[in-house]
Protein backbone atom coordinates (compact mmCIF):
# COMPACT_ATOMS: atom_id res chain seq x y z
CA MET A 1 -19.59 -14.70 33.86
CA THR A 2 -15.60 -14.85 32.24
CA ASP A 3 -13.04 -14.81 34.73
CA ILE A 4 -10.59 -11.08 33.84
CA ASN A 5 -7.79 -13.46 35.49
CA LYS A 6 -7.22 -15.69 33.36
CA SER A 7 -4.24 -16.48 30.80
CA PRO A 8 -4.63 -14.59 26.96
CA MET A 9 -4.63 -18.60 25.76
CA ASP A 10 -7.95 -19.34 27.93
CA PHE A 11 -9.26 -17.30 25.05
CA ARG A 12 -8.10 -19.72 22.33
CA GLY A 13 -10.54 -21.59 20.06
CA GLN A 14 -13.43 -18.63 20.31
CA SER A 15 -14.49 -16.97 17.36
CA ALA A 16 -14.68 -13.03 18.37
CA ARG A 17 -18.69 -13.43 18.99
CA ASP A 18 -17.60 -15.57 21.81
CA PHE A 19 -15.43 -12.96 23.25
CA PRO A 20 -16.05 -12.11 26.88
CA VAL A 21 -16.57 -8.62 25.92
CA PRO A 22 -18.96 -8.59 22.78
CA SER A 23 -17.47 -5.55 21.27
CA SER A 24 -14.87 -4.55 18.99
CA ILE A 25 -11.73 -2.59 19.15
CA ALA A 26 -10.21 -0.39 16.45
CA TYR A 27 -6.31 -0.10 16.45
CA PHE A 28 -5.24 2.93 14.48
CA SER A 29 -1.51 2.96 13.31
CA MET A 30 -0.17 5.31 11.14
CA GLU A 31 2.18 1.71 9.89
CA ILE A 32 1.60 -1.67 9.61
CA ALA A 33 3.79 -4.48 8.81
CA VAL A 34 0.95 -6.34 7.20
CA ASP A 35 3.37 -8.64 5.00
CA PRO A 36 7.08 -9.01 3.60
CA THR A 37 5.83 -7.82 0.16
CA MET A 38 3.58 -4.97 1.02
CA PRO A 39 5.87 -1.99 2.02
CA THR A 40 3.15 -0.38 4.78
CA TYR A 41 5.78 0.28 7.46
CA SER A 42 9.44 1.96 8.22
CA GLY A 43 10.68 0.54 11.64
CA GLY A 44 10.18 -0.81 14.96
CA LEU A 45 6.29 0.89 15.35
CA GLY A 46 4.92 -1.10 12.23
CA MET A 47 6.26 -4.46 13.08
CA LEU A 48 5.01 -3.66 16.68
CA ALA A 49 1.61 -3.04 14.82
CA GLY A 50 1.78 -6.18 13.08
CA ASP A 51 2.95 -8.38 15.49
CA THR A 52 -0.26 -6.94 17.91
CA LEU A 53 -2.76 -8.09 14.97
CA ARG A 54 -0.90 -11.45 14.28
CA ALA A 55 -1.67 -12.16 18.03
CA ALA A 56 -4.97 -10.95 18.05
CA ALA A 57 -5.93 -13.50 15.29
CA ASP A 58 -4.42 -15.72 16.98
CA ILE A 59 -6.89 -15.35 19.95
CA GLY A 60 -9.66 -14.38 17.86
CA ALA A 61 -10.08 -11.06 19.93
CA PRO A 62 -11.83 -8.36 17.96
CA VAL A 63 -10.04 -6.01 16.78
CA VAL A 64 -10.40 -4.32 13.39
CA ALA A 65 -6.86 -2.15 12.08
CA VAL A 66 -6.79 1.17 10.77
CA THR A 67 -4.00 2.71 8.73
CA LEU A 68 -3.26 4.05 5.30
CA LEU A 69 -2.68 2.74 2.07
CA HIS A 70 0.97 4.28 0.96
CA ARG A 71 1.09 3.29 -2.30
CA LYS A 72 5.06 4.39 -2.74
CA GLY A 73 5.69 2.83 0.81
CA TYR A 74 8.86 4.42 2.63
CA PHE A 75 11.87 4.12 0.44
CA ARG A 76 14.24 1.45 -0.53
CA GLN A 77 17.51 2.55 0.42
CA HIS A 78 20.53 2.41 -1.06
CA LEU A 79 24.28 2.98 0.30
CA SER A 80 27.32 4.53 -2.07
CA ALA A 81 30.55 2.77 -1.28
CA ASP A 82 31.53 5.06 1.05
CA GLY A 83 28.76 4.94 3.10
CA VAL A 84 26.10 7.69 1.24
CA GLN A 85 22.51 6.89 1.66
CA THR A 86 20.45 7.37 -1.55
CA GLU A 87 16.36 7.20 -1.40
CA GLU A 88 13.99 5.48 -4.14
CA ASP A 89 10.13 5.21 -3.74
CA ASP A 90 9.01 1.00 -3.01
CA PRO A 91 6.19 1.41 -4.95
CA TRP A 92 3.30 -1.76 -4.79
CA ASN A 93 0.42 -2.74 -6.29
CA PRO A 94 -2.32 -2.92 -3.91
CA GLU A 95 -5.11 -3.56 -6.26
CA SER A 96 -3.26 -6.98 -6.78
CA VAL A 97 -3.70 -8.32 -3.45
CA LEU A 98 -6.20 -6.30 -1.39
CA GLU A 99 -9.54 -6.28 -1.41
CA PRO A 100 -11.85 -3.11 -2.38
CA LEU A 101 -14.69 -1.87 -0.35
CA GLY A 102 -17.86 -0.06 -1.50
CA PRO A 103 -18.38 2.42 1.22
CA VAL A 104 -16.62 6.62 0.98
CA ALA A 105 -16.01 9.09 3.22
CA ALA A 106 -16.01 12.53 3.28
CA ILE A 107 -13.73 14.49 5.28
CA THR A 108 -12.75 18.26 5.64
CA ILE A 109 -9.14 19.95 5.26
CA GLN A 110 -8.56 23.14 4.18
CA ASN A 111 -12.52 23.70 4.31
CA ARG A 112 -12.63 21.27 1.17
CA PRO A 113 -14.19 18.16 0.92
CA VAL A 114 -11.83 15.10 0.35
CA MET A 115 -12.85 11.52 -0.14
CA VAL A 116 -11.86 8.28 1.21
CA ARG A 117 -12.27 5.07 0.17
CA ALA A 118 -11.10 2.07 1.79
CA TRP A 119 -9.13 -1.72 1.20
CA ARG A 120 -8.91 -4.70 3.35
CA HIS A 121 -6.51 -7.26 3.93
CA VAL A 122 -7.59 -10.16 6.74
CA ILE A 123 -4.62 -11.66 8.56
CA ARG A 124 -5.14 -14.97 9.98
CA GLY A 125 -4.40 -16.81 12.96
CA LEU A 126 -4.05 -20.02 14.51
CA GLY A 127 -7.22 -21.45 14.36
CA GLY A 128 -8.08 -19.01 11.10
CA GLN A 129 -9.79 -16.36 12.94
CA GLY A 130 -9.51 -12.98 11.03
CA VAL A 131 -8.32 -9.39 12.08
CA PRO A 132 -9.37 -7.19 8.98
CA VAL A 133 -6.70 -4.24 8.10
CA ILE A 134 -8.60 -1.09 6.44
CA PHE A 135 -6.44 0.96 4.05
CA LEU A 136 -7.50 4.49 3.71
CA ASP A 137 -6.91 5.80 0.34
CA THR A 138 -7.72 9.60 -0.94
CA ASP A 139 -6.52 8.43 -4.73
CA VAL A 140 -10.19 8.61 -5.72
CA GLU A 141 -11.16 10.11 -9.51
CA SER A 142 -13.16 12.82 -6.98
CA ASN A 143 -10.64 14.52 -5.59
CA ASP A 144 -8.21 17.47 -6.12
CA PRO A 145 -5.16 15.76 -7.61
CA TRP A 146 -3.13 17.01 -4.77
CA ASP A 147 -5.66 15.02 -2.59
CA ARG A 148 -5.27 11.95 -4.42
CA GLN A 149 -1.57 11.00 -3.57
CA LEU A 150 -2.02 12.70 0.40
CA THR A 151 -1.74 8.74 1.40
CA ASP A 152 0.82 7.81 -1.05
CA HIS A 153 4.33 8.16 0.87
CA LEU A 154 4.48 6.71 5.10
CA TYR A 155 6.27 9.50 6.72
CA GLY A 156 7.06 11.32 3.08
CA GLY A 157 6.59 15.24 2.75
CA ASP A 158 7.01 18.16 4.58
CA THR A 159 4.41 18.93 8.03
CA HIS A 160 1.86 20.23 6.10
CA TYR A 161 1.87 16.81 4.33
CA ARG A 162 2.12 15.17 7.56
CA LEU A 163 -0.76 17.27 9.23
CA CYS A 164 -2.95 16.14 6.42
CA GLN A 165 -2.56 12.73 6.40
CA GLU A 166 -2.88 12.87 10.35
CA VAL A 167 -6.70 14.58 9.32
CA VAL A 168 -7.04 11.49 6.85
CA LEU A 169 -6.19 8.81 9.19
CA GLY A 170 -7.87 9.88 12.24
CA MET A 171 -11.13 11.76 10.91
CA GLY A 172 -11.31 9.70 8.08
CA GLY A 173 -10.77 6.12 9.58
CA VAL A 174 -13.48 6.81 11.97
CA ARG A 175 -16.27 8.05 9.46
CA ILE A 176 -15.16 4.78 7.06
CA LEU A 177 -15.16 2.17 10.31
CA ALA A 178 -19.07 4.17 10.51
CA ALA A 179 -19.45 3.26 7.21
CA LEU A 180 -18.76 0.04 6.86
CA GLY A 181 -21.13 -0.55 9.79
CA TYR A 182 -18.68 -0.98 12.37
CA SER A 183 -19.86 -0.80 16.29
CA ILE A 184 -16.47 0.10 18.09
CA THR A 185 -15.94 0.49 21.74
CA VAL A 186 -12.43 1.19 22.16
CA HIS A 187 -10.36 2.92 19.69
CA HIS A 188 -6.71 2.56 20.35
CA MET A 189 -4.37 5.18 19.04
CA ASN A 190 -0.98 3.36 18.49
CA GLU A 191 0.95 6.58 19.07
CA GLY A 192 -0.48 10.50 18.52
CA HIS A 193 -0.69 10.32 14.34
CA ALA A 194 -4.05 8.49 14.72
CA ALA A 195 -5.27 11.17 18.07
CA LEU A 196 -7.74 13.35 15.88
CA LEU A 197 -9.73 10.26 15.84
CA THR A 198 -10.66 11.58 18.86
CA LEU A 199 -11.53 15.10 17.17
CA GLY A 200 -13.97 13.20 14.85
CA LEU A 201 -15.77 11.30 17.42
CA LEU A 202 -16.52 14.62 19.00
CA GLU A 203 -18.02 15.90 16.58
CA ASP A 204 -19.99 12.99 16.08
CA ARG A 205 -20.60 13.38 19.48
CA VAL A 206 -21.82 16.91 19.33
CA ASN A 207 -23.26 16.36 15.84
CA GLY A 208 -26.16 19.50 15.48
CA ARG A 209 -24.75 21.40 18.57
CA GLY A 210 -20.99 22.36 16.65
CA LEU A 211 -17.93 22.47 18.20
CA SER A 212 -18.05 25.27 20.06
CA SER A 213 -20.69 23.88 22.59
CA THR A 214 -18.60 21.05 24.11
CA THR A 215 -18.78 20.21 27.38
CA GLU A 216 -16.88 18.41 29.86
CA GLU A 217 -19.30 15.50 29.78
CA ASP A 218 -19.11 15.52 26.22
CA VAL A 219 -15.19 14.80 26.54
CA GLN A 220 -15.52 12.40 29.31
CA ALA A 221 -17.46 10.54 26.76
CA VAL A 222 -15.17 10.57 24.46
CA ARG A 223 -12.50 9.27 26.84
CA GLN A 224 -14.60 6.12 27.80
CA ARG A 225 -13.65 5.00 24.39
CA CYS A 226 -9.83 5.66 23.57
CA VAL A 227 -6.50 4.25 24.89
CA PHE A 228 -3.52 5.73 23.76
CA THR A 229 -0.29 3.73 23.54
CA THR A 230 2.79 6.97 23.58
CA HIS A 231 6.16 5.51 21.89
CA THR A 232 9.28 7.80 22.53
CA PRO A 233 10.87 9.85 24.40
CA VAL A 234 12.44 11.37 22.49
CA PRO A 235 10.70 15.39 21.95
CA ALA A 236 11.32 15.15 17.95
CA GLY A 237 8.40 11.96 18.38
CA HIS A 238 5.94 13.95 19.38
CA ASP A 239 4.20 15.23 16.03
CA ARG A 240 3.94 19.26 17.03
CA PHE A 241 2.33 21.68 14.24
CA ALA A 242 2.29 25.62 14.25
CA ILE A 243 -1.23 27.12 15.29
CA ASP A 244 -2.00 28.88 12.08
CA HIS A 245 -0.58 25.89 10.33
CA ALA A 246 -3.54 24.30 11.94
CA ARG A 247 -6.12 26.23 11.74
CA HIS A 248 -5.41 26.48 7.81
CA VAL A 249 -5.95 22.74 7.69
CA LEU A 250 -8.59 22.01 9.87
CA GLY A 251 -10.59 24.99 10.22
CA GLY A 252 -11.14 27.81 12.70
CA GLU A 253 -13.67 25.77 15.45
CA ARG A 254 -11.48 22.70 15.77
CA ILE A 255 -8.59 24.72 16.46
CA GLU A 256 -10.81 26.34 19.18
CA ILE A 257 -11.81 24.09 20.73
CA LEU A 258 -8.81 22.42 21.11
CA GLN A 259 -7.25 25.02 22.63
CA ARG A 260 -9.73 25.44 25.43
CA LEU A 261 -9.24 21.56 25.96
CA GLY A 262 -5.17 22.35 26.39
CA CYS A 263 -4.94 20.52 23.48
CA CYS A 264 -2.21 23.46 22.00
CA PRO A 265 0.82 24.29 24.22
CA GLU A 266 3.26 26.71 23.18
CA GLU A 267 1.22 27.77 20.16
CA SER A 268 0.99 24.49 18.76
CA LEU A 269 -0.98 21.73 18.19
CA ASN A 270 0.68 18.77 19.73
CA MET A 271 -0.91 14.96 18.45
CA THR A 272 0.62 14.04 22.18
CA TYR A 273 -1.77 16.51 24.50
CA VAL A 274 -4.58 15.90 21.90
CA ALA A 275 -4.22 11.84 23.02
CA LEU A 276 -3.77 12.37 26.12
CA ARG A 277 -6.55 14.81 26.75
CA PHE A 278 -9.31 12.49 25.57
CA SER A 279 -8.14 8.96 26.67
CA ARG A 280 -9.04 7.15 29.92
CA TYR A 281 -5.80 4.89 29.32
CA VAL A 282 -2.43 5.78 28.78
CA ASN A 283 0.58 3.75 28.25
CA GLY A 284 4.67 3.40 27.61
CA VAL A 285 5.85 0.85 26.06
CA ALA A 286 7.98 -0.83 29.12
CA MET A 287 8.38 -0.44 32.51
CA GLN A 288 10.59 2.52 32.44
CA HIS A 289 9.09 4.09 29.77
CA GLY A 290 6.05 4.34 31.59
CA LYS A 291 8.35 5.80 34.35
CA VAL A 292 10.13 8.60 31.92
CA SER A 293 6.80 9.00 30.40
CA GLN A 294 4.74 9.91 33.52
CA GLN A 295 7.96 12.74 34.33
CA MET A 296 7.24 13.91 30.69
CA PHE A 297 3.62 14.15 31.27
CA PRO A 298 2.94 14.32 34.63
CA GLY A 299 -0.79 15.77 34.61
CA TYR A 300 -1.71 12.58 32.94
CA SER A 301 -1.77 9.17 34.86
CA ILE A 302 0.49 6.84 32.40
CA HIS A 303 0.57 2.96 32.78
CA ALA A 304 3.01 0.60 31.23
CA ILE A 305 2.64 -2.47 28.78
CA THR A 306 6.00 -3.79 27.45
CA ASN A 307 6.16 -4.63 24.59
CA GLY A 308 6.62 -8.11 22.61
CA VAL A 309 6.50 -9.77 19.80
CA HIS A 310 4.81 -12.59 17.47
CA ALA A 311 6.92 -15.34 18.43
CA ALA A 312 5.79 -17.45 14.86
CA THR A 313 6.62 -14.79 12.98
CA TRP A 314 10.02 -14.42 14.36
CA ILE A 315 11.27 -17.74 15.22
CA ALA A 316 13.20 -18.78 13.00
CA LYS A 317 11.67 -22.53 10.92
CA PRO A 318 15.29 -24.87 11.94
CA MET A 319 14.03 -23.54 15.71
CA GLN A 320 10.41 -23.93 14.94
CA LYS A 321 10.71 -27.64 14.02
CA LEU A 322 12.35 -28.00 17.30
CA LEU A 323 9.81 -26.43 19.35
CA ASP A 324 7.57 -28.04 17.38
CA GLU A 325 8.97 -31.48 18.45
CA LYS A 326 9.63 -30.80 21.95
CA ILE A 327 7.09 -28.26 23.33
CA PRO A 328 4.15 -28.37 20.84
CA GLU A 329 2.07 -25.83 23.27
CA TRP A 330 4.16 -23.42 22.26
CA ARG A 331 2.48 -21.66 19.45
CA HIS A 332 -1.13 -21.54 20.92
CA ASP A 333 0.43 -20.32 24.40
CA ASN A 334 3.91 -18.56 24.55
CA GLN A 335 4.47 -19.02 28.30
CA TYR A 336 5.12 -22.83 27.25
CA LEU A 337 8.74 -21.85 25.58
CA ARG A 338 9.57 -21.57 29.60
CA PHE A 339 9.96 -25.37 28.87
CA ALA A 340 12.40 -24.90 26.38
CA ILE A 341 15.04 -24.89 30.04
CA GLY A 342 14.76 -28.74 29.68
CA ILE A 343 15.62 -28.99 26.02
CA VAL A 344 19.21 -30.17 26.07
CA ALA A 345 21.33 -26.97 25.16
CA SER A 346 23.25 -28.12 22.50
CA GLU A 347 20.19 -28.89 20.01
CA ILE A 348 19.26 -25.56 20.42
CA GLU A 349 22.90 -24.43 19.50
CA GLN A 350 22.45 -26.97 16.64
CA ARG A 351 19.24 -24.88 15.18
CA HIS A 352 20.79 -21.56 15.85
CA ARG A 353 23.78 -23.12 13.37
CA GLU A 354 21.03 -23.82 11.04
CA SER A 355 19.78 -20.08 10.91
CA LYS A 356 23.37 -18.60 11.20
CA ARG A 357 24.27 -20.53 8.13
CA ALA A 358 21.45 -19.28 6.35
CA LEU A 359 21.67 -15.73 7.28
CA LEU A 360 25.47 -15.98 6.44
CA THR A 361 24.45 -17.04 2.71
CA ALA A 362 22.17 -14.33 2.73
CA VAL A 363 25.02 -11.91 2.94
CA ALA A 364 26.88 -13.44 0.29
CA ARG A 365 24.01 -13.36 -2.29
CA ARG A 366 23.47 -9.47 -1.18
CA THR A 367 27.10 -7.96 -0.69
CA GLY A 368 29.72 -10.99 -2.32
CA VAL A 369 31.04 -10.88 1.33
CA THR A 370 31.76 -14.41 2.37
CA LEU A 371 32.30 -15.03 6.07
CA ASN A 372 33.27 -17.43 8.41
CA GLU A 373 30.34 -19.47 9.93
CA GLN A 374 32.79 -20.19 12.94
CA CYS A 375 33.35 -16.64 13.71
CA PHE A 376 31.81 -14.76 17.08
CA THR A 377 29.24 -12.65 14.64
CA LEU A 378 27.60 -9.96 16.38
CA GLY A 379 24.85 -7.58 14.96
CA PHE A 380 23.33 -4.55 15.12
CA ALA A 381 20.37 -3.44 12.63
CA ARG A 382 17.41 -0.95 13.66
CA ARG A 383 16.61 2.56 12.82
CA ALA A 384 19.82 4.68 12.47
CA ALA A 385 19.25 7.78 14.35
CA SER A 386 21.32 9.66 16.59
CA TYR A 387 20.27 8.90 19.67
CA LYS A 388 20.74 4.91 18.96
CA ARG A 389 24.46 5.08 18.51
CA ALA A 390 25.12 3.00 15.84
CA ASP A 391 28.77 3.76 15.94
CA MET A 392 29.24 3.61 19.22
CA LEU A 393 31.07 0.37 18.78
CA PHE A 394 33.68 2.14 17.18
CA TRP A 395 35.02 4.52 19.80
CA ASP A 396 38.53 3.13 19.43
CA VAL A 397 38.21 1.60 16.70
CA ASN A 398 42.35 -0.14 17.54
CA ARG A 399 41.08 -1.45 20.76
CA LEU A 400 38.25 -3.34 19.22
CA ALA A 401 40.12 -4.34 16.57
CA GLN A 402 42.82 -5.76 19.05
CA ILE A 403 40.24 -8.12 20.68
CA ALA A 404 39.06 -9.38 17.84
CA GLU A 405 42.99 -10.52 16.81
CA GLU A 406 43.06 -11.67 20.61
CA CYS A 407 39.88 -13.46 21.17
CA GLY A 408 39.96 -15.05 18.16
CA GLY A 409 37.65 -13.51 15.24
CA LEU A 410 34.88 -11.22 14.78
CA GLN A 411 32.40 -10.21 12.52
CA ILE A 412 30.29 -7.72 12.63
CA LEU A 413 26.46 -6.87 10.54
CA TYR A 414 24.68 -3.38 10.47
CA GLY A 415 22.11 -2.69 8.82
CA GLY A 416 19.26 0.47 9.26
CA LYS A 417 17.69 3.20 7.38
CA ALA A 418 18.22 7.05 8.23
CA HIS A 419 14.75 8.82 7.47
CA PRO A 420 15.49 10.61 4.34
CA HIS A 421 15.56 14.58 6.07
CA ASP A 422 17.71 13.15 8.66
CA GLU A 423 21.08 14.05 7.95
CA PRO A 424 22.47 13.03 11.77
CA GLY A 425 21.23 9.66 11.03
CA LYS A 426 22.65 9.48 7.70
CA ALA A 427 25.76 10.84 8.83
CA ILE A 428 26.12 8.20 11.75
CA ILE A 429 25.76 5.54 8.82
CA HIS A 430 28.38 7.06 6.61
CA ARG A 431 30.59 6.59 9.60
CA VAL A 432 29.91 3.18 10.63
CA ILE A 433 31.23 2.44 6.95
CA GLU A 434 33.97 4.90 7.18
CA GLU A 435 35.67 3.48 10.14
CA ALA A 436 34.75 -0.71 8.91
CA GLY A 437 36.79 0.57 5.68
CA ARG A 438 39.66 1.64 8.26
CA LEU A 439 40.06 -1.55 9.96
CA HIS A 440 42.65 -3.62 8.36
CA SER A 441 42.67 -6.45 10.24
CA ASP A 442 42.44 -10.36 8.86
CA ALA A 443 40.59 -11.13 12.34
CA ILE A 444 37.75 -8.51 12.15
CA LYS A 445 35.22 -7.87 9.28
CA ILE A 446 32.12 -5.74 9.48
CA VAL A 447 29.33 -5.27 6.71
CA TYR A 448 26.52 -2.92 6.46
CA LEU A 449 23.41 -4.57 4.53
CA GLU A 450 21.58 -2.03 3.04
CA ASN A 451 17.32 -1.42 2.68
CA TYR A 452 16.99 -3.32 6.03
CA GLU A 453 13.69 -4.93 6.22
CA TRP A 454 11.44 -7.39 7.38
CA GLU A 455 13.54 -10.81 5.68
CA LEU A 456 16.86 -9.20 6.56
CA GLY A 457 15.53 -8.57 10.11
CA GLY A 458 14.24 -12.05 10.77
CA LEU A 459 17.59 -13.14 9.09
CA LEU A 460 19.78 -10.96 11.33
CA THR A 461 18.28 -11.33 14.59
CA SER A 462 18.05 -15.65 14.12
CA GLY A 463 21.48 -15.82 12.86
CA VAL A 464 23.95 -13.77 14.77
CA ASP A 465 25.36 -14.90 17.97
CA LEU A 466 24.57 -11.82 20.11
CA TRP A 467 22.97 -9.12 19.63
CA LEU A 468 24.08 -5.14 20.36
CA ASN A 469 21.94 -2.18 21.14
CA THR A 470 23.56 0.78 22.52
CA PRO A 471 21.08 3.80 22.83
CA ARG A 472 21.33 6.79 24.93
CA ARG A 473 19.46 6.73 27.96
CA PRO A 474 16.62 7.12 28.73
CA TYR A 475 15.44 7.83 25.07
CA GLU A 476 15.03 4.14 24.22
CA ALA A 477 11.35 3.69 24.65
CA SER A 478 11.06 -0.50 24.33
CA GLY A 479 12.98 -1.69 21.17
CA THR A 480 11.90 -4.99 19.87
CA SER A 481 14.73 -6.56 17.64
CA GLY A 482 16.37 -7.76 21.00
CA MET A 483 13.06 -9.38 21.39
CA LYS A 484 13.28 -11.44 18.61
CA ALA A 485 16.67 -12.56 19.30
CA ALA A 486 15.65 -13.61 21.95
CA MET A 487 12.97 -16.05 20.72
CA ASN A 488 15.85 -17.50 18.71
CA GLY A 489 18.67 -18.35 21.98
CA VAL A 490 20.58 -15.42 21.04
CA PRO A 491 21.17 -13.59 23.76
CA SER A 492 22.12 -8.85 24.13
CA LEU A 493 24.66 -6.89 25.01
CA SER A 494 22.69 -3.70 25.77
CA THR A 495 22.58 -0.36 27.53
CA LEU A 496 19.93 -0.93 29.89
CA ASP A 497 17.53 0.99 28.69
CA GLY A 498 14.06 0.78 27.53
CA TRP A 499 13.00 -3.62 27.77
CA TRP A 500 16.62 -4.76 28.57
CA VAL A 501 16.36 -3.05 32.29
CA GLU A 502 13.81 -6.17 32.63
CA GLY A 503 14.92 -8.47 30.20
CA CYS A 504 18.81 -8.63 30.87
CA ILE A 505 19.87 -10.89 33.72
CA GLU A 506 23.73 -10.66 33.57
CA GLY A 507 25.76 -13.65 32.22
CA ALA A 508 22.65 -15.64 31.93
CA THR A 509 20.26 -13.90 28.87
CA GLY A 510 22.81 -11.29 28.06
CA TRP A 511 24.92 -8.20 29.50
CA ALA A 512 24.45 -4.69 30.07
CA ILE A 513 26.79 -2.01 29.26
CA VAL A 514 27.54 0.22 32.02
CA GLU A 515 25.85 3.76 32.31
CA ALA A 516 28.06 6.67 32.35
CA ASP A 517 28.46 9.81 32.35
CA GLU A 518 31.00 9.98 29.40
CA GLU A 519 30.51 7.80 26.17
CA GLU A 520 34.48 7.35 26.62
CA MET A 521 33.41 5.13 29.50
CA GLU A 522 30.49 3.57 28.09
CA SER A 523 32.33 2.03 25.05
CA GLU A 524 35.16 1.35 27.28
CA SER A 525 32.40 -1.19 29.57
CA LEU A 526 31.07 -2.52 25.58
CA TYR A 527 34.59 -3.42 24.82
CA GLU A 528 35.59 -4.76 28.08
CA LYS A 529 32.40 -7.22 28.24
CA LEU A 530 33.31 -8.43 24.62
CA ALA A 531 37.20 -9.16 25.51
CA VAL A 532 36.62 -10.39 29.42
CA GLU A 533 33.45 -11.97 29.39
CA ILE A 534 31.49 -12.46 25.69
CA LEU A 535 34.46 -13.72 23.64
CA PRO A 536 36.12 -15.99 25.82
CA LEU A 537 32.72 -17.72 26.69
CA TYR A 538 32.05 -18.29 23.41
CA TYR A 539 35.29 -19.59 21.76
CA ARG A 540 36.82 -21.27 25.20
CA TYR A 541 33.21 -22.47 26.77
CA PRO A 542 31.33 -23.37 24.24
CA ASP A 543 29.07 -25.45 26.12
CA ARG A 544 28.38 -22.45 28.56
CA TRP A 545 27.75 -20.50 25.65
CA LYS A 546 24.86 -23.23 24.63
CA GLU A 547 23.39 -22.56 28.34
CA ILE A 548 23.15 -19.10 27.53
CA MET A 549 21.02 -19.35 24.32
CA ARG A 550 18.56 -21.85 26.28
CA MET A 551 18.15 -19.47 28.82
CA THR A 552 17.73 -16.83 26.67
CA LEU A 553 15.41 -18.46 24.83
CA ALA A 554 13.24 -19.57 27.96
CA VAL A 555 13.01 -16.69 30.66
CA ASN A 556 12.82 -14.00 27.65
CA GLY A 557 10.94 -15.72 25.08
CA ALA A 558 8.36 -16.60 27.64
CA PHE A 559 7.69 -13.16 28.82
CA PHE A 560 8.41 -10.62 25.80
CA ASN A 561 5.61 -11.88 23.24
CA THR A 562 2.79 -10.28 22.21
CA GLN A 563 0.44 -13.18 23.68
CA ARG A 564 1.89 -11.60 27.09
CA MET A 565 1.19 -7.94 25.99
CA LEU A 566 -2.04 -8.38 24.32
CA HIS A 567 -3.66 -10.07 27.49
CA GLN A 568 -2.32 -6.88 29.40
CA TYR A 569 -4.38 -4.67 26.82
CA LEU A 570 -7.12 -6.61 27.15
CA THR A 571 -7.31 -6.96 30.63
CA ASN A 572 -5.79 -3.53 31.75
CA ALA A 573 -6.61 -1.06 29.03
CA TYR A 574 -9.69 -2.04 26.60
CA PHE A 575 -11.81 -3.97 29.04
CA PRO A 576 -10.62 -3.04 32.69
CA GLY A 577 -14.02 -4.61 34.39
CA ASP A 578 -15.93 -2.59 36.95
CA GLY A 579 -13.53 -3.97 39.97
CA SER A 580 -15.63 -6.45 40.21
CA GLY A 581 -13.78 -8.98 38.40
CA GLN A 582 -16.73 -8.71 36.08
CA TRP A 583 -16.25 -7.83 32.44
CA ILE A 584 -17.91 -4.21 31.58
CA ASP A 585 -21.75 -4.74 29.56
CA LEU A 586 -20.53 -3.56 26.62
CA PRO A 587 -22.55 -3.58 22.64
CA GLU A 588 -22.14 -6.10 20.38
CA MET A 589 -19.49 -5.67 18.02
CA VAL A 590 -20.48 -5.64 13.91
CA LEU A 591 -18.44 -9.26 12.71
CA VAL A 592 -16.79 -9.04 9.16
CA LYS A 593 -16.84 -12.71 7.76
């Protein structure tokens, strides 16, 4: 019998049929970053989903993913000279890159049938193993014209559109997997968008009896098949729908049972409570986030599995070549990145310089602005949400300019989109660009790069000299952009929130912004770290800076990766054993070739 305490890389080279639990895991996510050419993601949640699946493919884990097609993508961002964001669709042609699948499944929305079809893309791992990604599509000829565009826009439309999409993702996903012949043991809900899959499983369970006959035994049977990961401590991030609206979309019998089971507090259907009620394992995405989530939902047991990133995706090509030469095992086992501590620090810095050159070349191509390769370059790029405080750096613009002049120069690269309906987020982008325009100093340059996406994210996280993160505690669940930077030897300066609580070794892998009750005091800490420690170290003591880069890669790169993360999901959430150190005996999965 396989030892569940083996490292994740003990599974490499095995096919899905040889995996310790010959069963199937269905990974549901509203967005998945599958390929840079496919606009099927908006940001961190989708990137995490894609990195998770790439790690699963690397080790041959028996995973199938389910998402929506999003024919018109998320959106392309345009920024005016004064920082006003506008949006346009980002359409693509699924027919040219995806494989159509035959089965069509029927779901019910507003008491009418809606047909759902499926497309497939296979993510290939290191050994050629494949993880299929199933894209759900309602653009079916027999559907009502409004229903045909239900899967077009990621996070588009109003709350009615969103609820209908979540019915397609959850209930439609369950139906399509059954139609395709999958035998699913574990259903993983990556955030609450997919929570209605539990209702689909419950309907299958009570088939013929009606939902009104649901017993606690039925609920427990569904719970044994479900795992839920919550990603946000921000209340607005938990989807809620007015109860009358939910009844109109789902039907009275479904809402009645969800109300009976405690999923509709305050006269609203709460997708987080649906997922919590029907899951046997629930986790946050960092140590601190697990604690915060437990406080938010005290009636449930909530664990923590810290996020990671897919090393082979996010380590830039120059650094990959160095690692291939010095630590060839790193691709199959990311724990070997710890051995980077034995690489000559100047070699790591040299490869980073190549990445920095590539970044500055891309900036010049995109904006026409020429930046200096020798100048200290700071990066800040993420979704433009209010709690992330992208404008915190400009609390005192005169102080910022003074620091740049006294320390040797500063370049700052920004990126990030605000949701089309997020006016405060748009205002933050406007303020950053407006404040940057007011700085009249030859010692500082600030560029906001529009349409932040996969390729630009890779260039930024590998090419800047320092990664900045300024969330208001405790609203950063995890964050992964700083992890991507660490994979490239780029240290962080960040609020002690999310993953940085675990990743910060002061002065060794980066620096912490001191938490304070007043934002002005936190800004002062940010300025102090830049002026007194970081910039002098970079300009005056380059050998020590190179050692920090090496330590960042060796310590944080070796831990904050999806190989480690996926192993924790496999052993703690998906197949935790029966307490005797043995794998649970579960039905064999149906493989997709």
